[in-house]
Protein backbone atom coordinates (compact mmCIF):
# COMPACT_ATOMS: atom_id res chain seq x y z
CA MET A 1 -11.28 -36.79 27.42
CA ALA A 2 -12.34 -37.60 23.62
CA ASP A 3 -10.70 -40.44 21.99
CA ASP A 4 -7.97 -38.41 19.99
CA ALA A 5 -6.79 -35.74 22.85
CA VAL A 6 -3.19 -35.31 22.74
CA LYS A 7 -1.69 -34.78 26.15
CA SER A 8 1.72 -32.43 25.12
CA VAL A 9 5.03 -32.89 27.61
CA ASN A 10 8.00 -31.30 27.56
CA PRO A 11 10.59 -33.10 27.65
CA ASN A 12 12.37 -31.71 31.18
CA THR A 13 9.16 -32.12 33.09
CA GLU A 14 6.28 -34.70 33.63
CA GLU A 15 2.97 -33.71 33.50
CA THR A 16 -0.23 -35.78 34.82
CA PRO A 17 -3.14 -36.30 32.34
CA GLN A 18 -5.95 -34.21 33.70
CA ASP A 19 -8.31 -37.64 32.94
CA SER A 20 -5.93 -40.53 33.43
CA SER A 21 -8.67 -43.26 32.84
CA SER A 22 -9.01 -42.43 29.23
CA THR A 23 -7.47 -45.40 27.24
CA ASP A 24 -6.38 -43.33 24.41
CA VAL A 25 -4.07 -40.67 25.47
CA ILE A 26 -1.17 -39.41 23.14
CA GLN A 27 1.42 -37.93 24.87
CA GLN A 28 3.23 -35.83 22.80
CA LEU A 29 6.88 -34.90 22.31
CA ASP A 30 7.19 -32.35 19.18
CA GLY A 31 10.71 -31.60 18.27
CA GLY A 32 11.02 -28.12 19.25
CA GLU A 33 12.72 -25.17 21.41
CA ASN A 34 12.31 -26.81 24.62
CA GLU A 35 13.97 -30.27 23.12
CA VAL A 36 16.76 -31.95 25.12
CA THR A 37 19.75 -31.87 22.95
CA VAL A 38 21.42 -35.12 23.15
CA LYS A 39 24.80 -35.77 21.26
CA THR A 40 25.29 -40.08 21.40
CA PHE A 41 23.08 -42.81 20.90
CA LYS A 42 24.76 -43.87 24.40
CA GLU A 43 23.16 -40.85 26.06
CA LEU A 44 19.74 -41.83 24.44
CA GLY A 45 20.31 -45.28 26.64
CA VAL A 46 21.57 -47.56 23.47
CA THR A 47 23.66 -50.00 24.49
CA GLU A 48 27.52 -50.55 24.12
CA VAL A 49 27.24 -52.96 21.12
CA LEU A 50 24.82 -51.31 19.27
CA CYS A 51 26.37 -48.09 19.77
CA GLN A 52 29.11 -49.95 18.30
CA ALA A 53 27.04 -50.95 15.18
CA CYS A 54 25.59 -46.99 14.58
CA ASP A 55 29.31 -46.29 14.04
CA LEU A 56 30.49 -48.33 11.83
CA LEU A 57 27.38 -47.32 9.55
CA GLY A 58 28.51 -43.73 9.83
CA TRP A 59 25.94 -42.80 12.40
CA LYS A 60 27.44 -40.17 14.59
CA THR A 61 24.89 -38.34 16.03
CA PRO A 62 20.79 -39.51 16.85
CA THR A 63 18.56 -37.77 13.98
CA LYS A 64 15.34 -35.80 15.37
CA ILE A 65 13.17 -38.44 15.12
CA GLN A 66 15.68 -41.00 17.24
CA LEU A 67 15.71 -38.64 19.50
CA GLU A 68 12.46 -38.10 20.26
CA ALA A 69 11.57 -42.00 19.88
CA ILE A 70 14.48 -44.00 20.87
CA PRO A 71 14.43 -42.77 24.84
CA VAL A 72 10.15 -43.60 24.52
CA ALA A 73 10.42 -46.51 23.40
CA LEU A 74 12.86 -48.05 25.42
CA GLN A 75 10.53 -47.19 28.29
CA GLY A 76 8.30 -49.73 26.86
CA LYS A 77 5.74 -47.43 25.55
CA ASP A 78 3.86 -47.86 22.10
CA ILE A 79 4.70 -45.01 19.60
CA ILE A 80 3.92 -43.00 16.66
CA GLY A 81 6.02 -41.55 14.89
CA LEU A 82 5.34 -38.35 12.64
CA ALA A 83 8.41 -37.45 10.67
CA GLU A 84 9.22 -36.35 7.11
CA THR A 85 11.66 -39.09 4.45
CA GLY A 86 14.68 -39.47 4.98
CA SER A 87 14.83 -38.30 8.77
CA GLY A 88 16.47 -41.70 10.11
CA LYS A 89 12.99 -43.62 11.14
CA THR A 90 14.19 -46.66 10.32
CA GLY A 91 17.12 -46.47 13.36
CA ALA A 92 14.37 -44.93 15.66
CA PHE A 93 12.30 -48.40 15.30
CA ALA A 94 14.86 -50.89 14.68
CA LEU A 95 17.37 -50.05 17.46
CA PRO A 96 14.93 -50.33 20.40
CA ILE A 97 14.11 -53.72 18.75
CA LEU A 98 17.27 -55.20 18.63
CA GLN A 99 17.97 -53.95 22.25
CA SER A 100 15.13 -55.84 23.45
CA LEU A 101 16.32 -58.78 21.28
CA LEU A 102 19.93 -58.67 22.97
CA ALA A 103 18.37 -59.00 26.34
CA SER A 104 15.65 -61.87 25.78
CA PRO A 105 16.82 -63.37 22.44
CA GLN A 106 13.59 -65.20 21.01
CA ARG A 107 12.44 -66.51 17.51
CA LEU A 108 9.90 -64.57 15.43
CA HIS A 109 9.96 -61.81 17.22
CA SER A 110 9.06 -58.55 15.50
CA LEU A 111 6.76 -57.89 12.91
CA VAL A 112 7.85 -54.67 10.96
CA LEU A 113 4.93 -54.05 7.95
CA THR A 114 5.90 -51.83 4.61
CA PRO A 115 3.33 -50.68 1.50
CA THR A 116 6.31 -51.70 -0.78
CA ARG A 117 8.51 -54.50 -1.67
CA GLU A 118 11.89 -52.43 -2.43
CA LEU A 119 10.94 -50.36 1.21
CA ALA A 120 10.88 -54.00 2.67
CA PHE A 121 14.26 -54.78 1.31
CA GLN A 122 16.01 -51.81 2.66
CA ILE A 123 14.61 -52.07 6.42
CA ALA A 124 15.96 -55.61 5.80
CA GLU A 125 19.05 -54.28 4.95
CA GLN A 126 19.46 -51.67 8.20
CA PHE A 127 18.44 -54.54 10.51
CA GLU A 128 21.12 -56.63 9.73
CA ALA A 129 23.81 -54.23 9.31
CA LEU A 130 22.97 -53.02 13.10
CA GLY A 131 22.72 -56.66 14.47
CA SER A 132 25.60 -57.99 12.35
CA SER A 133 27.19 -58.49 15.68
CA ILE A 134 24.29 -59.48 17.81
CA GLY A 135 23.86 -62.55 14.65
CA VAL A 136 20.34 -61.30 14.13
CA LYS A 137 17.69 -63.13 11.39
CA CYS A 138 15.86 -61.32 9.38
CA ALA A 139 13.05 -62.42 6.28
CA VAL A 140 11.84 -60.39 3.57
CA ILE A 141 7.96 -61.59 2.77
CA VAL A 142 7.26 -59.95 0.31
CA GLY A 143 4.79 -60.76 -3.52
CA GLY A 144 7.24 -61.72 -6.41
CA ILE A 145 9.06 -64.10 -4.95
CA ASP A 146 8.17 -67.81 -4.78
CA MET A 147 5.91 -68.66 -2.00
CA MET A 148 7.27 -72.18 -1.40
CA SER A 149 10.97 -70.62 -0.62
CA GLN A 150 9.65 -67.94 1.40
CA SER A 151 8.13 -70.98 3.27
CA MET A 152 11.08 -72.46 3.78
CA VAL A 153 12.78 -69.14 5.19
CA LEU A 154 9.97 -68.72 7.93
CA ALA A 155 10.34 -72.92 8.82
CA LYS A 156 13.75 -71.50 10.67
CA LYS A 157 12.29 -69.00 12.38
CA PRO A 158 13.49 -65.79 11.91
CA HIS A 159 14.46 -62.90 14.45
CA ILE A 160 12.49 -60.59 12.32
CA ILE A 161 10.16 -60.51 9.62
CA ILE A 162 9.33 -57.72 7.31
CA ALA A 163 6.62 -58.20 5.06
CA THR A 164 4.20 -56.59 3.01
CA PRO A 165 0.69 -56.90 4.11
CA GLY A 166 -0.91 -58.98 1.61
CA ARG A 167 1.92 -61.78 0.60
CA LEU A 168 2.13 -62.24 5.15
CA ILE A 169 -1.50 -63.04 5.04
CA ASP A 170 -1.02 -65.35 2.06
CA HIS A 171 1.96 -67.29 4.62
CA MET A 172 -0.84 -66.99 7.82
CA GLU A 173 -3.13 -68.69 5.68
CA ASN A 174 -1.54 -71.09 3.85
CA THR A 175 1.79 -71.65 5.69
CA LYS A 176 2.19 -75.55 7.80
CA GLY A 177 3.37 -74.23 11.40
CA PHE A 178 3.74 -70.43 10.56
CA SER A 179 2.52 -68.53 13.66
CA LEU A 180 3.31 -65.10 15.23
CA ARG A 181 1.36 -66.06 18.43
CA GLY A 182 4.52 -65.04 20.30
CA LEU A 183 5.05 -61.69 18.67
CA LYS A 184 6.89 -58.89 21.43
CA PHE A 185 6.88 -56.07 18.61
CA LEU A 186 4.97 -54.75 15.48
CA VAL A 187 5.85 -51.78 13.04
CA MET A 188 4.06 -50.41 10.97
CA ASP A 189 6.14 -48.39 8.28
CA GLU A 190 4.92 -45.75 5.78
CA ALA A 191 1.53 -46.10 7.73
CA ASP A 192 -0.26 -43.71 5.62
CA ARG A 193 0.69 -45.26 2.31
CA ILE A 194 -0.29 -48.86 3.71
CA LEU A 195 -3.54 -47.67 4.07
CA ASN A 196 -3.74 -45.88 1.12
CA MET A 197 -2.90 -48.65 -1.06
CA ASP A 198 -5.95 -50.88 0.18
CA PHE A 199 -4.53 -52.77 2.65
CA GLU A 200 -6.75 -52.29 5.76
CA THR A 201 -8.41 -55.39 5.44
CA GLU A 202 -4.91 -57.13 5.45
CA VAL A 203 -4.23 -55.25 8.58
CA ASP A 204 -6.85 -56.33 10.48
CA LYS A 205 -6.56 -59.65 9.89
CA ILE A 206 -2.95 -59.58 11.09
CA LEU A 207 -4.32 -57.35 14.10
CA LYS A 208 -6.50 -60.47 14.91
CA VAL A 209 -4.08 -62.81 15.18
CA ILE A 210 -0.50 -61.65 16.77
CA PRO A 211 -0.86 -61.03 21.07
CA ARG A 212 -2.59 -58.12 22.38
CA GLU A 213 0.13 -57.51 24.69
CA ARG A 214 3.21 -56.36 22.42
CA HIS A 215 4.90 -53.32 21.68
CA THR A 216 3.65 -51.16 18.35
CA TYR A 217 5.60 -48.40 16.64
CA LEU A 218 3.43 -46.38 13.94
CA PHE A 219 5.46 -44.37 11.86
CA SER A 220 3.61 -42.23 9.17
CA ALA A 221 4.84 -38.86 7.30
CA THR A 222 1.12 -37.81 7.51
CA MET A 223 -1.65 -37.93 10.14
CA THR A 224 -4.71 -38.88 8.07
CA LYS A 225 -8.32 -40.08 9.29
CA LYS A 226 -7.40 -43.60 8.15
CA VAL A 227 -4.64 -43.53 10.77
CA GLN A 228 -5.70 -41.74 13.47
CA LYS A 229 -7.91 -44.77 13.15
CA LEU A 230 -5.79 -47.78 12.55
CA GLN A 231 -3.93 -45.80 15.98
CA ARG A 232 -7.13 -46.17 18.24
CA ALA A 233 -7.20 -49.75 17.21
CA ALA A 234 -3.64 -51.24 17.20
CA LEU A 235 -2.19 -49.05 19.88
CA LYS A 236 -2.24 -48.08 24.05
CA ASP A 237 -1.70 -45.16 25.37
CA PRO A 238 0.80 -44.44 22.77
CA VAL A 239 3.82 -41.69 22.79
CA LYS A 240 3.40 -39.02 19.72
CA CYS A 241 7.24 -37.91 18.72
CA ALA A 242 7.15 -35.59 15.53
CA VAL A 243 9.49 -33.64 14.66
CA SER A 244 7.33 -32.00 11.11
CA THR A 245 3.85 -31.36 11.62
CA LYS A 246 3.52 -29.52 9.20
CA TYR A 247 3.31 -30.27 4.80
CA SER A 248 6.89 -29.19 4.31
CA THR A 249 10.12 -29.79 2.57
CA VAL A 250 13.58 -29.15 4.23
CA ASP A 251 15.64 -25.73 4.13
CA LYS A 252 18.59 -26.99 1.70
CA LEU A 253 16.06 -28.08 -0.82
CA GLN A 254 15.85 -26.00 -3.67
CA GLN A 255 12.94 -25.98 -5.37
CA TYR A 256 12.01 -25.15 -9.42
CA TYR A 257 9.80 -25.33 -12.07
CA ILE A 258 9.55 -25.17 -16.02
CA PHE A 259 6.70 -24.12 -18.02
CA ILE A 260 6.52 -25.79 -21.05
CA PRO A 261 4.74 -27.26 -24.19
CA SER A 262 4.03 -30.93 -23.51
CA LYS A 263 5.58 -31.54 -26.70
CA TYR A 264 8.85 -30.61 -26.11
CA LYS A 265 9.08 -32.20 -22.47
CA ASP A 266 12.02 -34.48 -23.64
CA CYS A 267 13.70 -31.97 -25.25
CA TYR A 268 13.95 -29.86 -21.96
CA LEU A 269 14.93 -32.95 -19.89
CA VAL A 270 17.60 -33.28 -22.24
CA SER A 271 18.69 -30.55 -21.86
CA ILE A 272 18.68 -30.05 -18.00
CA LEU A 273 20.61 -33.30 -17.70
CA ASN A 274 22.92 -31.86 -20.18
CA GLU A 275 23.03 -28.67 -18.06
CA LEU A 276 23.30 -30.42 -14.97
CA ALA A 277 25.59 -32.94 -15.82
CA GLY A 278 28.01 -35.44 -13.45
CA ASN A 279 25.25 -35.22 -10.55
CA SER A 280 22.81 -37.92 -10.24
CA PHE A 281 19.24 -37.23 -11.10
CA MET A 282 15.94 -39.32 -9.78
CA ILE A 283 13.16 -38.62 -12.27
CA PHE A 284 9.46 -39.29 -11.73
CA CYS A 285 6.88 -40.59 -14.07
CA GLY A 286 3.30 -40.52 -14.06
CA THR A 287 3.25 -44.03 -15.61
CA CYS A 288 5.22 -47.33 -15.70
CA ASN A 289 5.31 -46.94 -19.80
CA ASN A 290 6.35 -43.26 -19.77
CA ALA A 291 9.06 -44.27 -17.17
CA GLN A 292 10.04 -46.76 -19.71
CA ARG A 293 10.02 -45.37 -22.62
CA VAL A 294 11.95 -42.15 -20.95
CA ALA A 295 14.76 -44.34 -20.15
CA LEU A 296 14.97 -45.77 -23.60
CA LEU A 297 15.09 -42.35 -24.96
CA LEU A 298 18.03 -41.17 -22.54
CA ARG A 299 20.37 -44.16 -23.67
CA ASN A 300 19.80 -43.88 -27.17
CA LEU A 301 21.15 -40.32 -26.21
CA GLY A 302 23.94 -42.51 -24.08
CA ILE A 303 23.06 -41.17 -20.45
CA THR A 304 23.15 -44.03 -18.11
CA ALA A 305 19.34 -44.43 -17.42
CA ILE A 306 17.71 -46.85 -15.66
CA PRO A 307 14.28 -47.69 -15.16
CA LEU A 308 12.36 -48.80 -12.06
CA HIS A 309 8.24 -49.23 -11.98
CA GLY A 310 5.78 -51.83 -10.57
CA GLN A 311 5.74 -53.84 -14.04
CA MET A 312 9.22 -55.13 -13.64
CA SER A 313 10.13 -58.36 -12.06
CA GLN A 314 11.29 -58.38 -8.30
CA ASP A 315 14.73 -59.22 -9.42
CA LYS A 316 15.27 -56.63 -11.95
CA ARG A 317 13.74 -53.96 -9.53
CA LEU A 318 15.98 -54.87 -7.31
CA GLY A 319 19.05 -54.39 -9.47
CA ALA A 320 18.06 -51.90 -11.09
CA LEU A 321 18.07 -49.86 -7.29
CA ASN A 322 21.10 -51.42 -6.57
CA LYS A 323 22.72 -50.23 -9.82
CA PHE A 324 21.65 -46.52 -9.15
CA LYS A 325 22.73 -46.32 -5.42
CA SER A 326 26.11 -47.81 -6.53
CA LYS A 327 26.32 -45.17 -9.13
CA SER A 328 26.84 -47.09 -11.83
CA ARG A 329 23.88 -45.58 -13.34
CA SER A 330 23.30 -41.99 -12.98
CA VAL A 331 19.92 -41.63 -13.79
CA LEU A 332 16.77 -43.31 -12.32
CA LEU A 333 13.50 -43.03 -14.12
CA ALA A 334 10.48 -44.23 -11.38
CA THR A 335 7.04 -44.21 -11.18
CA ASP A 336 5.87 -43.36 -7.37
CA VAL A 337 6.28 -47.26 -6.27
CA ALA A 338 10.04 -45.96 -5.15
CA SER A 339 9.26 -42.51 -4.31
CA ARG A 340 9.26 -43.23 -0.32
CA GLY A 341 10.84 -44.90 2.34
CA LEU A 342 14.24 -46.14 0.18
CA ASP A 343 17.50 -45.63 1.01
CA ILE A 344 18.55 -44.09 -2.13
CA PRO A 345 21.96 -41.58 -0.41
CA HIS A 346 23.23 -39.81 -3.17
CA VAL A 347 20.19 -38.03 -4.99
CA ASP A 348 21.44 -34.81 -6.16
CA CYS A 349 17.98 -33.63 -8.27
CA VAL A 350 15.02 -35.00 -8.58
CA ILE A 351 12.96 -33.92 -11.64
CA ASN A 352 9.02 -34.58 -11.78
CA TYR A 353 8.82 -35.37 -15.21
CA ASP A 354 5.03 -35.95 -14.92
CA ILE A 355 3.58 -33.62 -12.01
CA PRO A 356 2.16 -35.55 -9.24
CA THR A 357 -1.87 -35.92 -9.66
CA HIS A 358 -1.88 -35.85 -5.46
CA SER A 359 0.31 -32.80 -4.14
CA LYS A 360 1.28 -35.02 -1.23
CA ASP A 361 2.95 -36.80 -3.51
CA TYR A 362 5.28 -33.90 -4.23
CA ILE A 363 6.68 -33.53 -0.95
CA HIS A 364 7.38 -37.22 -0.55
CA ARG A 365 9.05 -36.89 -4.21
CA VAL A 366 11.34 -34.55 -3.91
CA GLY A 367 12.06 -35.55 -0.02
CA ARG A 368 14.36 -37.92 -2.15
CA THR A 369 17.05 -35.36 -2.46
CA ALA A 370 18.84 -32.91 0.38
CA ARG A 371 18.44 -35.56 2.89
CA ALA A 372 20.31 -36.30 6.04
CA GLY A 373 21.46 -32.23 5.43
CA ARG A 374 22.83 -32.12 2.30
CA SER A 375 21.63 -29.79 -0.08
CA GLY A 376 19.80 -30.74 -3.02
CA LYS A 377 17.37 -28.82 -6.34
CA SER A 378 13.87 -30.23 -7.47
CA ILE A 379 12.21 -29.07 -11.03
CA THR A 380 9.39 -29.84 -12.05
CA PHE A 381 7.96 -29.46 -15.34
CA VAL A 382 4.71 -27.62 -15.65
CA THR A 383 2.90 -28.12 -19.67
CA GLN A 384 -0.42 -26.72 -19.97
CA TYR A 385 -2.53 -28.93 -18.59
CA ASP A 386 -1.00 -28.85 -15.54
CA VAL A 387 -1.71 -25.33 -13.88
CA GLU A 388 -3.92 -26.20 -11.63
CA LEU A 389 -2.18 -29.30 -10.10
CA PHE A 390 1.30 -27.03 -9.86
CA GLN A 391 -1.01 -24.01 -8.00
CA ARG A 392 -1.94 -27.07 -4.95
CA ILE A 393 1.04 -27.98 -4.90
CA GLU A 394 2.52 -24.30 -4.11
CA THR A 395 -0.85 -23.87 -1.57
CA LEU A 396 0.14 -27.03 0.43
CA ILE A 397 4.13 -26.14 0.54
CA GLY A 398 3.40 -22.58 1.53
CA LYS A 399 5.45 -21.23 -1.34
CA LYS A 400 5.58 -20.04 -4.72
CA LEU A 401 8.32 -21.73 -6.68
CA PRO A 402 11.08 -19.53 -8.60
CA ALA A 403 11.25 -20.61 -12.47
CA PHE A 404 14.16 -23.19 -13.94
CA PRO A 405 16.47 -20.75 -16.08
CA THR A 406 16.53 -22.70 -19.44
CA GLN A 407 17.28 -20.68 -22.72
CA GLU A 408 15.12 -21.78 -25.08
CA GLU A 409 17.26 -21.70 -28.56
CA GLU A 410 19.63 -24.01 -26.78
CA VAL A 411 16.50 -26.25 -25.91
CA MET A 412 15.03 -26.26 -29.68
CA MET A 413 19.26 -27.14 -31.14
CA LEU A 414 18.62 -31.08 -29.44
CA VAL A 415 14.68 -31.15 -31.21
CA GLU A 416 16.23 -33.33 -34.07
CA ARG A 417 18.46 -35.71 -32.35
CA VAL A 418 15.77 -36.19 -29.19
CA SER A 419 13.01 -36.87 -31.69
CA GLU A 420 15.89 -39.64 -33.53
CA ALA A 421 16.12 -40.95 -30.27
CA GLN A 422 12.15 -41.42 -29.35
CA ARG A 423 11.65 -43.41 -32.90
CA PHE A 424 14.33 -45.46 -31.42
CA ALA A 425 12.76 -45.55 -28.35
CA ARG A 426 9.30 -46.65 -29.68
CA MET A 427 10.87 -49.29 -31.91
CA GLU A 428 12.25 -50.89 -28.78
CA MET A 429 8.99 -50.46 -26.66
CA LYS A 430 7.02 -52.37 -29.25
CA GLU A 431 10.30 -55.02 -29.35
CA GLN A 432 9.92 -55.35 -26.24
CA GLY A 433 5.89 -55.83 -25.93
CA ASP A 434 6.22 -58.43 -28.74
CA LYS A 435 8.59 -60.24 -26.58
CA ARG A 436 6.12 -59.83 -23.42
CA LYS A 437 3.38 -61.56 -25.49
CA ARG A 438 5.94 -64.99 -26.35
CA PRO A 439 6.26 -67.63 -23.62
CA ARG A 440 9.54 -66.79 -22.96
CA GLY A 441 9.39 -63.39 -22.73
CA GLY A 442 10.85 -60.57 -20.95
CA ASP A 443 9.65 -58.03 -18.25
CA GLY A 444 10.21 -54.78 -20.04
CA ASP A 445 13.86 -53.87 -19.10
CA GLN A 446 17.01 -54.97 -21.11
CA ASP A 447 19.61 -52.76 -19.28
CA ASP A 448 23.22 -53.49 -20.56
CA THR A 449 22.28 -55.41 -23.67
CA ASP A 450 22.47 -54.46 -27.46
CA GLN A 451 19.18 -54.56 -27.64
CA ALA A 452 18.80 -51.65 -25.25
CA SER A 453 21.44 -49.74 -26.44
CA GLY A 454 19.70 -48.24 -29.70
CA VAL A 455 21.70 -45.65 -30.98
CA ARG A 456 23.82 -45.56 -27.79
CA LYS A 457 26.85 -47.15 -29.91
CA LYS A 458 26.45 -44.81 -32.63
CA ARG A 459 26.65 -41.60 -30.79
CA GLY A 460 28.06 -41.44 -27.11
CA ALA A 461 27.32 -38.98 -24.68
CA ALA A 462 29.53 -36.75 -26.84
CA ALA A 463 27.01 -36.25 -29.63
CA TRP A 464 24.10 -34.88 -27.86
CA ARG A 465 26.32 -32.67 -26.12
CA GLY A 466 27.54 -31.46 -28.92
CA GLY A 467 24.67 -29.36 -30.34
CA ARG A 468 25.18 -26.89 -27.76
């Protein structure tokens, strides 16, 4: 049997693989028509104290990936989990890990690898919420935070470490006394993205120093060749738990595009935010500079916008995320660093201000809305330079998107006010650039300060809406 042979298993029956000598057989549990409907976490085998924790978090019934993965994990098997963003993946691996920790308490019990800092903090929040009643201790080990303070946290030997690969390697090589030789569980979340971000060398180093006898869970939105290679190197007789094997978007997501001249993108954006006022928006930009500029532009028009991008400090990135999650800001301007894995439950509309260069990123971006059974909307801006990229997206998702209805005359009425806001935004960008050159400069976002308000004090939200 070939290395990547797949053994399909109906959850109602047991089958014996034709070649039991293969060391790399993947048993597949593909959530289809024959899946067993389980209504509670208790029926999946989750212990009572963790069921109560789920209830406190409002998790009434398991999601599809949790239905597939948790029983398999509780049997002690390795898992490859293929599931779309917002499917409840964190719960699918956190609950089995916490149940194991409850049965056999141990420090430095589990390691979770993630591609981004923000996702690491989100996962830690979930672990701490689920494990609050059993006293679980987590450590987040990511870049952008002082190594010495992290070393002190690691010296206390937390139960669970959530880390980005690069910073973890820094500690493994430089922090005296830190070792993962007793590790019981390894999770690689968003594995496809970890590998796409060139963390392969770091992952290989980590795999060489942790115990071979361990439980390994690999979760990915896509099964790329790199992920398949990692699966063969890191997992032993894994069970494949797939709830979405195609590039698809959820049924409750209404997807639209707008074909517009590139010079009027800002005007159309303001018009849409005006028309859909009262909703929460996640707007994706192709560069950090553009995310910062558009955020300043919108603030100057009285819109509560905040950026989230890689040139901001770690504290400001987390602060921006928390402001958006708490609904004190209704518009989040983000680069793709924020497009996957983050737990942001209340996004009503995703706007692709800049069309993604890679078609698969479209799936991850629009996956921020229409989550957990809710409806949502996505709107993609297509300029004269984006037609080919847009056609690739339509080919990938297998559907032609309808045009979002707009009134060009009304949009053009905003040109003067938007032009003024653009001018102020450029001035503020220049000021922030100058500050960064000074010894005590900031990092590019001055949310809630006088300097960031621009014309916001002079013209409130009513001013830009009044032109309609």
